Amino acid sequence: MLRTVTQGDDTARPPILIAHGLFGSARNWGVIAKRLSDTRRVVTVDMRNHGESPWTETHGYPDLAADLAQVIEAEGGQADVLGHSMGGKAAMVLALTHPARVRRLIVADIAPVAYGHTQQHLVDAMRAVDLSAVTTRGDADRQLAASVAEDGVRAFLLQSLDVKARRWRLNLDTLERDMPLILGWPGVTGQFDGSALFLTGAQSDYVKPEHRPAIKALFPNAKFAKIPGAGHWLHADRPREFEASIAAFFGG
């Protein structure tokens, strides 16, 4: 069972379930989850091989979707589901394979297609950190800076570093081996006929116009919206606008 964090006490409606992206965790979504929990119960998860959830030998989307279905079953049987990037693909597969578990779906800045880029360089960068020489987060940050120039990316990765234990809260072995599955898209058939919103950053190129036929084929009732001034990390770039879009689509 995935590790979950629940905020809010509204039990009259299904909860909002949030699935993070690659190298992320529930803690990345803590502020947004807290704000949304003013009116809804919000459940954030650590996906498998991330955070405090179990490490496994596989990291394919059918597995990730089954994990989310298990959480929703424990939370009452149905949820409004939000997934970003890798979590968005897992949420899409969940909706296609367990449609009764999903009331409404928001997919944040990802499409049901295979991508050509890789995140292998970030795996290599984390592996290159000499954890035996790390006593503070700053120590690790200085080491990471040798191969990861962007301050924001380093800060994001370092949220998954347990400084005291001198270990990454990421199963880098499985994530590296299954990177082709993470970047790809499984051969899932069927349709999700419920309400779906594909929410993208206006400055991101992850969801392109040519992806819309693939989206509509699987999610015939999909709607599309962009957040101005946001890139792929739209929830970090424009958190207030992002929160407003979620609340409006999920019904406050």
C-alpha atoms as a PDB file:
ATOM      1  CA  MET A   1       0.000   0.000   0.000  1.00  0.00           C
ATOM      2  CA  LEU A   2       1.278   3.447  -0.872  1.00  0.00           C
ATOM      3  CA  ARG A   3       2.115   5.937   1.854  1.00  0.00           C
ATOM      4  CA  THR A   4      -0.580   8.615   1.942  1.00  0.00           C
ATOM      5  CA  VAL A   5      -1.071  12.010   3.569  1.00  0.00           C
ATOM      6  CA  THR A   6      -4.653  13.129   4.153  1.00  0.00           C
ATOM      7  CA  GLN A   7      -5.792  16.697   4.851  1.00  0.00           C
ATOM      8  CA  GLY A   8      -9.303  18.044   5.308  1.00  0.00           C
ATOM      9  CA  ASP A   9     -12.373  16.430   6.842  1.00  0.00           C
ATOM     10  CA  ASP A  10     -15.067  16.647   4.159  1.00  0.00           C
ATOM     11  CA  THR A  11     -16.523  13.151   3.857  1.00  0.00           C
ATOM     12  CA  ALA A  12     -19.677  14.195   1.984  1.00  0.00           C
ATOM     13  CA  ARG A  13     -17.879  14.100  -1.376  1.00  0.00           C
ATOM     14  CA  PRO A  14     -15.154  11.896  -2.827  1.00  0.00           C
ATOM     15  CA  PRO A  15     -11.641  13.058  -1.932  1.00  0.00           C
ATOM     16  CA  ILE A  16      -9.139  14.631  -4.284  1.00  0.00           C
ATOM     17  CA  LEU A  17      -6.252  12.237  -4.919  1.00  0.00           C
ATOM     18  CA  ILE A  18      -2.938  13.773  -6.054  1.00  0.00           C
ATOM     19  CA  ALA A  19      -0.260  11.713  -7.839  1.00  0.00           C
ATOM     20  CA  HIS A  20       3.164  13.361  -8.214  1.00  0.00           C
ATOM     21  CA  GLY A  21       5.686  13.108 -11.037  1.00  0.00           C
ATOM     22  CA  LEU A  22       9.048  11.379 -11.411  1.00  0.00           C
ATOM     23  CA  PHE A  23      11.493  11.972  -8.514  1.00  0.00           C
ATOM     24  CA  GLY A  24       8.721  13.727  -6.581  1.00  0.00           C
ATOM     25  CA  SER A  25       6.761  12.891  -3.437  1.00  0.00           C
ATOM     26  CA  ALA A  26       3.652  13.833  -1.521  1.00  0.00           C
ATOM     27  CA  ARG A  27       5.601  16.561   0.272  1.00  0.00           C
ATOM     28  CA  ASN A  28       6.012  18.463  -3.031  1.00  0.00           C
ATOM     29  CA  TRP A  29       2.244  18.995  -2.989  1.00  0.00           C
ATOM     30  CA  GLY A  30       1.817  19.813   0.703  1.00  0.00           C
ATOM     31  CA  VAL A  31       1.021  23.520   0.325  1.00  0.00           C
ATOM     32  CA  ILE A  32      -1.440  23.036  -2.534  1.00  0.00           C
ATOM     33  CA  ALA A  33      -3.090  20.094  -0.760  1.00  0.00           C
ATOM     34  CA  LYS A  34      -3.491  22.172   2.406  1.00  0.00           C
ATOM     35  CA  ARG A  35      -5.173  25.017   0.525  1.00  0.00           C
ATOM     36  CA  LEU A  36      -7.512  22.667  -1.331  1.00  0.00           C
ATOM     37  CA  SER A  37      -8.354  20.927   1.964  1.00  0.00           C
ATOM     38  CA  ASP A  38     -10.240  24.032   3.126  1.00  0.00           C
ATOM     39  CA  THR A  39     -13.197  22.722   1.141  1.00  0.00           C
ATOM     40  CA  ARG A  40     -12.283  19.123   0.253  1.00  0.00           C
ATOM     41  CA  ARG A  41     -10.559  16.105   1.738  1.00  0.00           C
ATOM     42  CA  VAL A  42      -7.248  15.751  -0.113  1.00  0.00           C
ATOM     43  CA  VAL A  43      -5.104  12.616  -0.270  1.00  0.00           C
ATOM     44  CA  THR A  44      -1.544  12.894  -1.574  1.00  0.00           C
ATOM     45  CA  VAL A  45       0.555   9.793  -2.167  1.00  0.00           C
ATOM     46  CA  ASP A  46       4.156   8.778  -2.454  1.00  0.00           C
ATOM     47  CA  MET A  47       4.189   6.711  -5.641  1.00  0.00           C
ATOM     48  CA  ARG A  48       5.967   3.356  -5.505  1.00  0.00           C
ATOM     49  CA  ASN A  49       9.780   3.650  -5.493  1.00  0.00           C
ATOM     50  CA  HIS A  50       9.421   7.222  -4.191  1.00  0.00           C
ATOM     51  CA  GLY A  51       9.294   8.814  -0.756  1.00  0.00           C
ATOM     52  CA  GLU A  52       8.208   6.468   2.003  1.00  0.00           C
ATOM     53  CA  SER A  53       6.253   4.057  -0.206  1.00  0.00           C
ATOM     54  CA  PRO A  54       7.485   0.520  -0.875  1.00  0.00           C
ATOM     55  CA  TRP A  55      10.307  -0.125  -3.309  1.00  0.00           C
ATOM     56  CA  THR A  56       9.447  -2.655  -5.999  1.00  0.00           C
ATOM     57  CA  GLU A  57      11.095  -4.373  -8.938  1.00  0.00           C
ATOM     58  CA  THR A  58       8.697  -2.821 -11.467  1.00  0.00           C
ATOM     59  CA  HIS A  59       7.591   0.697 -12.361  1.00  0.00           C
ATOM     60  CA  GLY A  60       5.164   0.324 -15.264  1.00  0.00           C
ATOM     61  CA  TYR A  61       1.967   2.333 -15.546  1.00  0.00           C
ATOM     62  CA  PRO A  62      -0.443  -0.587 -15.045  1.00  0.00           C
ATOM     63  CA  ASP A  63       1.300  -1.167 -11.684  1.00  0.00           C
ATOM     64  CA  LEU A  64       1.146   2.512 -10.741  1.00  0.00           C
ATOM     65  CA  ALA A  65      -2.539   2.669 -11.706  1.00  0.00           C
ATOM     66  CA  ALA A  66      -3.313  -0.415  -9.609  1.00  0.00           C
ATOM     67  CA  ASP A  67      -1.575   1.238  -6.641  1.00  0.00           C
ATOM     68  CA  LEU A  68      -3.782   4.305  -6.995  1.00  0.00           C
ATOM     69  CA  ALA A  69      -6.913   2.158  -7.336  1.00  0.00           C
ATOM     70  CA  GLN A  70      -6.025   0.438  -4.066  1.00  0.00           C
ATOM     71  CA  VAL A  71      -5.682   3.793  -2.300  1.00  0.00           C
ATOM     72  CA  ILE A  72      -9.018   5.009  -3.667  1.00  0.00           C
ATOM     73  CA  GLU A  73     -10.732   1.798  -2.586  1.00  0.00           C
ATOM     74  CA  ALA A  74      -9.442   2.368   0.943  1.00  0.00           C
ATOM     75  CA  GLU A  75     -10.638   5.985   0.801  1.00  0.00           C
ATOM     76  CA  GLY A  76     -14.228   5.147  -0.056  1.00  0.00           C
ATOM     77  CA  GLY A  77     -14.179   3.807  -3.603  1.00  0.00           C
ATOM     78  CA  GLN A  78     -14.107   6.911  -5.799  1.00  0.00           C
ATOM     79  CA  ALA A  79     -12.021  10.083  -6.077  1.00  0.00           C
ATOM     80  CA  ASP A  80     -11.381  13.157  -8.142  1.00  0.00           C
ATOM     81  CA  VAL A  81      -7.893  12.416  -9.448  1.00  0.00           C
ATOM     82  CA  LEU A  82      -5.098  14.852 -10.283  1.00  0.00           C
ATOM     83  CA  GLY A  83      -1.821  13.601 -11.730  1.00  0.00           C
ATOM     84  CA  HIS A  84       1.227  15.536 -12.893  1.00  0.00           C
ATOM     85  CA  SER A  85       3.679  14.225 -15.505  1.00  0.00           C
ATOM     86  CA  MET A  86       4.447  10.590 -14.544  1.00  0.00           C
ATOM     87  CA  GLY A  87       1.560  10.811 -12.091  1.00  0.00           C
ATOM     88  CA  GLY A  88      -0.616  12.111 -14.925  1.00  0.00           C
ATOM     89  CA  LYS A  89       0.120   9.049 -17.023  1.00  0.00           C
ATOM     90  CA  ALA A  90      -0.626   6.819 -14.035  1.00  0.00           C
ATOM     91  CA  ALA A  91      -3.894   8.706 -13.497  1.00  0.00           C
ATOM     92  CA  MET A  92      -4.857   8.262 -17.155  1.00  0.00           C
ATOM     93  CA  VAL A  93      -4.211   4.513 -17.007  1.00  0.00           C
ATOM     94  CA  LEU A  94      -6.195   4.388 -13.750  1.00  0.00           C
ATOM     95  CA  ALA A  95      -9.157   6.092 -15.427  1.00  0.00           C
ATOM     96  CA  LEU A  96      -8.980   3.744 -18.425  1.00  0.00           C
ATOM     97  CA  THR A  97      -8.577   0.516 -16.432  1.00  0.00           C
ATOM     98  CA  HIS A  98     -10.556   1.350 -13.270  1.00  0.00           C
ATOM     99  CA  PRO A  99     -13.104   3.942 -14.495  1.00  0.00           C
ATOM    100  CA  ALA A 100     -15.463   3.432 -11.554  1.00  0.00           C
ATOM    101  CA  ARG A 101     -12.733   4.711  -9.222  1.00  0.00           C
ATOM    102  CA  VAL A 102     -12.479   8.109 -10.962  1.00  0.00           C
ATOM    103  CA  ARG A 103     -15.200  10.750 -10.798  1.00  0.00           C
ATOM    104  CA  ARG A 104     -13.276  13.551 -12.514  1.00  0.00           C
ATOM    105  CA  LEU A 105      -9.745  13.611 -13.888  1.00  0.00           C
ATOM    106  CA  ILE A 106      -7.152  16.365 -14.226  1.00  0.00           C
ATOM    107  CA  VAL A 107      -3.987  15.533 -16.167  1.00  0.00           C
ATOM    108  CA  ALA A 108      -1.293  18.142 -15.597  1.00  0.00           C
ATOM    109  CA  ASP A 109       1.108  18.758 -18.488  1.00  0.00           C
ATOM    110  CA  ILE A 110       1.456  15.295 -20.006  1.00  0.00           C
ATOM    111  CA  ALA A 111      -0.144  13.382 -22.890  1.00  0.00           C
ATOM    112  CA  PRO A 112      -0.834   9.660 -23.485  1.00  0.00           C
ATOM    113  CA  VAL A 113       2.171   9.333 -25.792  1.00  0.00           C
ATOM    114  CA  ALA A 114       5.788   8.200 -25.633  1.00  0.00           C
ATOM    115  CA  TYR A 115       8.390  10.920 -25.123  1.00  0.00           C
ATOM    116  CA  GLY A 116      11.874  11.028 -26.582  1.00  0.00           C
ATOM    117  CA  HIS A 117      13.656  12.861 -23.785  1.00  0.00           C
ATOM    118  CA  THR A 118      15.194  11.102 -20.787  1.00  0.00           C
ATOM    119  CA  GLN A 119      15.783  11.895 -17.145  1.00  0.00           C
ATOM    120  CA  GLN A 120      18.776   9.558 -16.964  1.00  0.00           C
ATOM    121  CA  HIS A 121      21.123  12.504 -16.389  1.00  0.00           C
ATOM    122  CA  LEU A 122      19.350  13.249 -13.104  1.00  0.00           C
ATOM    123  CA  VAL A 123      19.716   9.629 -11.991  1.00  0.00           C
ATOM    124  CA  ASP A 124      23.419   9.871 -12.813  1.00  0.00           C
ATOM    125  CA  ALA A 125      23.694  13.157 -10.908  1.00  0.00           C
ATOM    126  CA  MET A 126      22.115  11.706  -7.768  1.00  0.00           C
ATOM    127  CA  ARG A 127      24.271   8.595  -7.961  1.00  0.00           C
ATOM    128  CA  ALA A 128      27.380  10.785  -8.235  1.00  0.00           C
ATOM    129  CA  VAL A 129      26.745  12.448  -4.851  1.00  0.00           C
ATOM    130  CA  ASP A 130      29.167  11.077  -2.252  1.00  0.00           C
ATOM    131  CA  LEU A 131      26.653  10.595   0.535  1.00  0.00           C
ATOM    132  CA  SER A 132      29.367   9.707   3.020  1.00  0.00           C
ATOM    133  CA  ALA A 133      30.532  13.331   2.771  1.00  0.00           C
ATOM    134  CA  VAL A 134      27.059  14.802   3.274  1.00  0.00           C
ATOM    135  CA  THR A 135      26.171  16.211   6.683  1.00  0.00           C
ATOM    136  CA  THR A 136      23.864  19.012   5.501  1.00  0.00           C
ATOM    137  CA  ARG A 137      21.580  19.547   2.521  1.00  0.00           C
ATOM    138  CA  GLY A 138      23.991  22.252   1.410  1.00  0.00           C
ATOM    139  CA  ASP A 139      26.774  19.672   1.120  1.00  0.00           C
ATOM    140  CA  ALA A 140      24.657  17.645  -1.295  1.00  0.00           C
ATOM    141  CA  ASP A 141      23.578  20.748  -3.180  1.00  0.00           C
ATOM    142  CA  ARG A 142      27.185  21.765  -3.828  1.00  0.00           C
ATOM    143  CA  GLN A 143      27.954  18.298  -5.185  1.00  0.00           C
ATOM    144  CA  LEU A 144      24.846  18.231  -7.367  1.00  0.00           C
ATOM    145  CA  ALA A 145      25.744  21.638  -8.788  1.00  0.00           C
ATOM    146  CA  ALA A 146      28.608  20.021 -10.680  1.00  0.00           C
ATOM    147  CA  SER A 147      26.115  18.344 -13.007  1.00  0.00           C
ATOM    148  CA  VAL A 148      22.748  20.069 -12.390  1.00  0.00           C
ATOM    149  CA  ALA A 149      22.993  23.798 -13.043  1.00  0.00           C
ATOM    150  CA  GLU A 150      19.378  24.765 -12.331  1.00  0.00           C
ATOM    151  CA  ASP A 151      18.795  25.799  -8.718  1.00  0.00           C
ATOM    152  CA  GLY A 152      15.146  24.790  -8.831  1.00  0.00           C
ATOM    153  CA  VAL A 153      15.868  21.289 -10.149  1.00  0.00           C
ATOM    154  CA  ARG A 154      18.470  20.698  -7.434  1.00  0.00           C
ATOM    155  CA  ALA A 155      16.061  21.913  -4.750  1.00  0.00           C
ATOM    156  CA  PHE A 156      13.405  19.572  -6.104  1.00  0.00           C
ATOM    157  CA  LEU A 157      15.733  16.552  -6.103  1.00  0.00           C
ATOM    158  CA  LEU A 158      17.029  17.348  -2.627  1.00  0.00           C
ATOM    159  CA  GLN A 159      13.522  17.033  -1.205  1.00  0.00           C
ATOM    160  CA  SER A 160      14.027  13.294  -1.720  1.00  0.00           C
ATOM    161  CA  LEU A 161      17.320  13.167   0.201  1.00  0.00           C
ATOM    162  CA  ASP A 162      17.287  11.833   3.756  1.00  0.00           C
ATOM    163  CA  VAL A 163      20.313  13.723   5.083  1.00  0.00           C
ATOM    164  CA  LYS A 164      20.443  11.974   8.465  1.00  0.00           C
ATOM    165  CA  ALA A 165      20.277   8.518   6.921  1.00  0.00           C
ATOM    166  CA  ARG A 166      22.481   9.588   4.000  1.00  0.00           C
ATOM    167  CA  ARG A 167      20.219   7.939   1.448  1.00  0.00           C
ATOM    168  CA  TRP A 168      17.916   8.912  -1.402  1.00  0.00           C
ATOM    169  CA  ARG A 169      14.221   8.201  -0.857  1.00  0.00           C
ATOM    170  CA  LEU A 170      14.147   7.024  -4.474  1.00  0.00           C
ATOM    171  CA  ASN A 171      14.683   3.517  -5.832  1.00  0.00           C
ATOM    172  CA  LEU A 172      17.158   4.678  -8.456  1.00  0.00           C
ATOM    173  CA  ASP A 173      17.869   1.117  -9.629  1.00  0.00           C
ATOM    174  CA  THR A 174      14.273   0.394 -10.624  1.00  0.00           C
ATOM    175  CA  LEU A 175      13.608   3.908 -11.931  1.00  0.00           C
ATOM    176  CA  GLU A 176      16.712   3.730 -14.128  1.00  0.00           C
ATOM    177  CA  ARG A 177      15.896   0.278 -15.469  1.00  0.00           C
ATOM    178  CA  ASP A 178      12.259   1.138 -16.189  1.00  0.00           C
ATOM    179  CA  MET A 179      12.949   4.633 -17.567  1.00  0.00           C
ATOM    180  CA  PRO A 180      11.753   3.492 -21.042  1.00  0.00           C
ATOM    181  CA  LEU A 181       8.398   2.504 -19.475  1.00  0.00           C
ATOM    182  CA  ILE A 182       8.165   5.813 -17.609  1.00  0.00           C
ATOM    183  CA  LEU A 183       8.829   7.814 -20.770  1.00  0.00           C
ATOM    184  CA  GLY A 184       6.612   5.550 -22.853  1.00  0.00           C
ATOM    185  CA  TRP A 185       2.901   4.819 -22.944  1.00  0.00           C
ATOM    186  CA  PRO A 186       1.410   1.335 -22.412  1.00  0.00           C
ATOM    187  CA  GLY A 187      -0.923  -0.255 -24.911  1.00  0.00           C
ATOM    188  CA  VAL A 188      -4.087   0.575 -22.986  1.00  0.00           C
ATOM    189  CA  THR A 189      -7.389   0.279 -24.803  1.00  0.00           C
ATOM    190  CA  GLY A 190     -10.879   1.577 -24.053  1.00  0.00           C
ATOM    191  CA  GLN A 191     -12.169   5.018 -23.126  1.00  0.00           C
ATOM    192  CA  PHE A 192     -12.855   7.066 -20.042  1.00  0.00           C
ATOM    193  CA  ASP A 193     -16.170   8.800 -20.652  1.00  0.00           C
ATOM    194  CA  GLY A 194     -16.074  10.960 -17.536  1.00  0.00           C
ATOM    195  CA  SER A 195     -15.030  14.585 -17.277  1.00  0.00           C
ATOM    196  CA  ALA A 196     -11.332  15.144 -17.946  1.00  0.00           C
ATOM    197  CA  LEU A 197      -9.259  18.316 -18.017  1.00  0.00           C
ATOM    198  CA  PHE A 198      -5.842  18.431 -19.650  1.00  0.00           C
ATOM    199  CA  LEU A 199      -4.202  21.378 -17.928  1.00  0.00           C
ATOM    200  CA  THR A 200      -0.902  22.561 -19.374  1.00  0.00           C
ATOM    201  CA  GLY A 201       1.695  25.253 -18.865  1.00  0.00           C
ATOM    202  CA  ALA A 202       1.617  27.787 -21.690  1.00  0.00           C
ATOM    203  CA  GLN A 203       5.429  27.737 -21.821  1.00  0.00           C
ATOM    204  CA  SER A 204       5.679  23.927 -21.841  1.00  0.00           C
ATOM    205  CA  ASP A 205       5.902  21.765 -24.951  1.00  0.00           C
ATOM    206  CA  TYR A 206       4.895  18.479 -23.299  1.00  0.00           C
ATOM    207  CA  VAL A 207       1.337  18.586 -24.690  1.00  0.00           C
ATOM    208  CA  LYS A 208       1.315  19.612 -28.336  1.00  0.00           C
ATOM    209  CA  PRO A 209      -1.599  20.202 -30.723  1.00  0.00           C
ATOM    210  CA  GLU A 210      -0.744  16.964 -32.522  1.00  0.00           C
ATOM    211  CA  HIS A 211      -1.361  15.046 -29.271  1.00  0.00           C
ATOM    212  CA  ARG A 212      -5.030  16.026 -29.141  1.00  0.00           C
ATOM    213  CA  PRO A 213      -6.328  13.205 -31.372  1.00  0.00           C
ATOM    214  CA  ALA A 214      -4.671  10.619 -29.101  1.00  0.00           C
ATOM    215  CA  ILE A 215      -6.160  12.331 -26.048  1.00  0.00           C
ATOM    216  CA  LYS A 216      -9.646  12.550 -27.550  1.00  0.00           C
ATOM    217  CA  ALA A 217      -9.549   8.915 -28.643  1.00  0.00           C
ATOM    218  CA  LEU A 218      -9.123   7.809 -25.023  1.00  0.00           C
ATOM    219  CA  PHE A 219     -10.896  10.692 -23.272  1.00  0.00           C
ATOM    220  CA  PRO A 220     -13.718  11.816 -25.586  1.00  0.00           C
ATOM    221  CA  ASN A 221     -15.006  14.406 -23.100  1.00  0.00           C
ATOM    222  CA  ALA A 222     -11.591  15.970 -22.525  1.00  0.00           C
ATOM    223  CA  LYS A 223     -11.314  19.729 -22.155  1.00  0.00           C
ATOM    224  CA  PHE A 224      -8.083  21.696 -22.545  1.00  0.00           C
ATOM    225  CA  ALA A 225      -6.758  24.705 -20.665  1.00  0.00           C
ATOM    226  CA  LYS A 226      -3.417  26.499 -20.351  1.00  0.00           C
ATOM    227  CA  ILE A 227      -1.954  28.473 -17.478  1.00  0.00           C
ATOM    228  CA  PRO A 228      -0.127  31.573 -18.748  1.00  0.00           C
ATOM    229  CA  GLY A 229       3.432  32.010 -17.579  1.00  0.00           C
ATOM    230  CA  ALA A 230       3.788  28.395 -16.460  1.00  0.00           C
ATOM    231  CA  GLY A 231       6.126  25.699 -17.735  1.00  0.00           C
ATOM    232  CA  HIS A 232       6.037  21.959 -17.103  1.00  0.00           C
ATOM    233  CA  TRP A 233       6.125  22.535 -13.321  1.00  0.00           C
ATOM    234  CA  LEU A 234       2.932  24.549 -13.563  1.00  0.00           C
ATOM    235  CA  HIS A 235       1.920  23.936  -9.952  1.00  0.00           C
ATOM    236  CA  ALA A 236       5.210  25.477  -8.787  1.00  0.00           C
ATOM    237  CA  ASP A 237       5.331  28.247 -11.416  1.00  0.00           C
ATOM    238  CA  ARG A 238       1.772  29.505 -10.941  1.00  0.00           C
ATOM    239  CA  PRO A 239       0.395  27.840  -7.782  1.00  0.00           C
ATOM    240  CA  ARG A 240      -2.570  30.164  -7.233  1.00  0.00           C
ATOM    241  CA  GLU A 241      -3.818  29.871 -10.806  1.00  0.00           C
ATOM    242  CA  PHE A 242      -3.249  26.128 -10.673  1.00  0.00           C
ATOM    243  CA  GLU A 243      -5.221  25.773  -7.430  1.00  0.00           C
ATOM    244  CA  ALA A 244      -8.063  27.861  -8.838  1.00  0.00           C
ATOM    245  CA  SER A 245      -8.276  25.625 -11.918  1.00  0.00           C
ATOM    246  CA  ILE A 246      -8.398  22.496  -9.765  1.00  0.00           C
ATOM    247  CA  ALA A 247     -11.069  23.884  -7.442  1.00  0.00           C
ATOM    248  CA  ALA A 248     -13.230  25.046 -10.332  1.00  0.00           C
ATOM    249  CA  PHE A 249     -13.069  21.763 -12.234  1.00  0.00           C
ATOM    250  CA  PHE A 250     -13.480  19.508  -9.206  1.00  0.00           C
ATOM    251  CA  GLY A 251     -16.280  21.649  -7.848  1.00  0.00           C
ATOM    252  CA  GLY A 252     -14.677  23.576  -5.012  1.00  0.00           C
END
